[in-house]
C-alpha atoms as a PDB file:
ATOM      1  CA  MET A   1      42.123 -75.156  36.482  1.00  0.00           C
ATOM      2  CA  THR A   2      39.865 -76.560  38.266  1.00  0.00           C
ATOM      3  CA  ASP A   3      37.533 -77.896  35.491  1.00  0.00           C
ATOM      4  CA  ARG A   4      40.297 -79.606  33.560  1.00  0.00           C
ATOM      5  CA  SER A   5      40.948 -81.672  37.159  1.00  0.00           C
ATOM      6  CA  ASP A   6      37.183 -81.733  37.531  1.00  0.00           C
ATOM      7  CA  LEU A   7      36.616 -83.189  33.782  1.00  0.00           C
ATOM      8  CA  GLU A   8      39.630 -85.505  34.489  1.00  0.00           C
ATOM      9  CA  LEU A   9      38.510 -86.648  37.536  1.00  0.00           C
ATOM     10  CA  SER A  10      34.645 -87.647  36.168  1.00  0.00           C
ATOM     11  CA  LEU A  11      36.602 -89.249  33.006  1.00  0.00           C
ATOM     12  CA  ALA A  12      38.436 -91.461  35.142  1.00  0.00           C
ATOM     13  CA  ARG A  13      35.465 -92.746  37.540  1.00  0.00           C
ATOM     14  CA  GLN A  14      33.731 -93.043  34.014  1.00  0.00           C
ATOM     15  CA  GLN A  15      37.289 -95.731  32.824  1.00  0.00           C
ATOM     16  CA  ARG A  16      37.292 -96.879  35.929  1.00  0.00           C
ATOM     17  CA  ALA A  17      33.975 -98.117  36.088  1.00  0.00           C
ATOM     18  CA  ALA A  18      33.795 -99.751  32.622  1.00  0.00           C
ATOM     19  CA  GLY A  19      37.375-101.679  33.978  1.00  0.00           C
ATOM     20  CA  PHE A  20      35.607-102.801  36.609  1.00  0.00           C
ATOM     21  CA  ALA A  21      32.466-103.863  34.706  1.00  0.00           C
ATOM     22  CA  ILE A  22      33.994-105.595  32.314  1.00  0.00           C
ATOM     23  CA  ALA A  23      36.123-107.687  35.196  1.00  0.00           C
ATOM     24  CA  GLY A  24      32.869-108.415  37.276  1.00  0.00           C
ATOM     25  CA  ALA A  25      31.331-109.232  33.880  1.00  0.00           C
ATOM     26  CA  VAL A  26      33.841-111.959  33.219  1.00  0.00           C
ATOM     27  CA  VAL A  27      34.752-113.372  36.370  1.00  0.00           C
ATOM     28  CA  VAL A  28      31.048-114.395  36.379  1.00  0.00           C
ATOM     29  CA  TRP A  29      30.658-115.326  33.331  1.00  0.00           C
ATOM     30  CA  MET A  30      33.369-117.480  33.382  1.00  0.00           C
ATOM     31  CA  GLY A  31      31.775-119.100  37.408  1.00  0.00           C
ATOM     32  CA  LEU A  32      28.650-119.910  35.839  1.00  0.00           C
ATOM     33  CA  GLN A  33      29.947-121.261  32.135  1.00  0.00           C
ATOM     34  CA  PHE A  34      31.930-123.646  35.001  1.00  0.00           C
ATOM     35  CA  LEU A  35      28.749-124.477  36.642  1.00  0.00           C
ATOM     36  CA  GLY A  36      26.892-124.998  34.022  1.00  0.00           C
ATOM     37  CA  ALA A  37      29.497-127.392  32.910  1.00  0.00           C
ATOM     38  CA  GLN A  38      29.049-128.927  35.364  1.00  0.00           C
ATOM     39  CA  GLY A  39      25.395-129.634  34.894  1.00  0.00           C
ATOM     40  CA  TYR A  40      23.550-126.827  37.347  1.00  0.00           C
ATOM     41  CA  ILE A  41      22.546-124.535  35.439  1.00  0.00           C
ATOM     42  CA  THR A  42      20.959-125.498  32.540  1.00  0.00           C
ATOM     43  CA  THR A  43      21.171-124.182  28.183  1.00  0.00           C
ATOM     44  CA  ARG A  44      19.259-121.766  28.734  1.00  0.00           C
ATOM     45  CA  VAL A  45      20.152-119.581  31.988  1.00  0.00           C
ATOM     46  CA  LEU A  46      23.735-119.503  30.630  1.00  0.00           C
ATOM     47  CA  PHE A  47      22.345-118.089  27.011  1.00  0.00           C
ATOM     48  CA  LEU A  48      20.757-115.392  28.881  1.00  0.00           C
ATOM     49  CA  PHE A  49      24.376-114.850  31.213  1.00  0.00           C
ATOM     50  CA  ASP A  50      26.089-114.425  27.370  1.00  0.00           C
ATOM     51  CA  PHE A  51      23.703-112.177  26.246  1.00  0.00           C
ATOM     52  CA  ALA A  52      24.396-110.132  30.144  1.00  0.00           C
ATOM     53  CA  ALA A  53      27.580-110.701  29.715  1.00  0.00           C
ATOM     54  CA  LEU A  54      27.698-108.936  26.252  1.00  0.00           C
ATOM     55  CA  ALA A  55      25.671-105.799  26.712  1.00  0.00           C
ATOM     56  CA  VAL A  56      27.984-105.303  30.134  1.00  0.00           C
ATOM     57  CA  MET A  57      31.303-105.593  26.985  1.00  0.00           C
ATOM     58  CA  VAL A  58      28.842-103.055  24.817  1.00  0.00           C
ATOM     59  CA  TRP A  59      28.166-101.086  27.522  1.00  0.00           C
ATOM     60  CA  ALA A  60      31.925-100.305  28.862  1.00  0.00           C
ATOM     61  CA  LEU A  61      33.432-100.176  24.436  1.00  0.00           C
ATOM     62  CA  VAL A  62      30.601 -96.866  24.458  1.00  0.00           C
ATOM     63  CA  VAL A  63      31.548 -95.403  27.961  1.00  0.00           C
ATOM     64  CA  THR A  64      35.220 -96.159  26.760  1.00  0.00           C
ATOM     65  CA  TYR A  65      34.835 -94.249  22.917  1.00  0.00           C
ATOM     66  CA  ARG A  66      32.761 -91.561  24.564  1.00  0.00           C
ATOM     67  CA  VAL A  67      35.619 -91.196  26.993  1.00  0.00           C
ATOM     68  CA  TRP A  68      38.494 -90.935  24.278  1.00  0.00           C
ATOM     69  CA  ARG A  69      36.626 -89.004  22.484  1.00  0.00           C
ATOM     70  CA  ARG A  70      36.053 -86.206  25.473  1.00  0.00           C
ATOM     71  CA  LYS A  71      39.838 -86.804  25.929  1.00  0.00           C
ATOM     72  CA  ARG A  72      40.602 -85.950  22.535  1.00  0.00           C
ATOM     73  CA  ALA A  73      38.080 -83.034  21.955  1.00  0.00           C
ATOM     74  CA  ASN A  74      40.032 -81.195  25.422  1.00  0.00           C
ATOM     75  CA  ASP A  75      43.446 -82.179  24.460  1.00  0.00           C
ATOM     76  CA  SER A  76      42.539 -79.488  20.905  1.00  0.00           C
ATOM     77  CA  ARG A  77      41.743 -77.387  23.093  1.00  0.00           C
END
């Protein structure tokens, strides 16, 4: 019983981390886009942050997929 609950807690932490990463990336990205539109940040730097936000989204997608697969594998047992 404890193994299953430890696994569930671990998966919940991973899901929470992915959610916070997505939310944080979107908020930071939107703020930087606003500052870029005001002329405070150059286009080159904005592209760098665009790619960083994309990298966070890909990472969160991979984490979410891995959590989904582990849950699915454990539910079938």
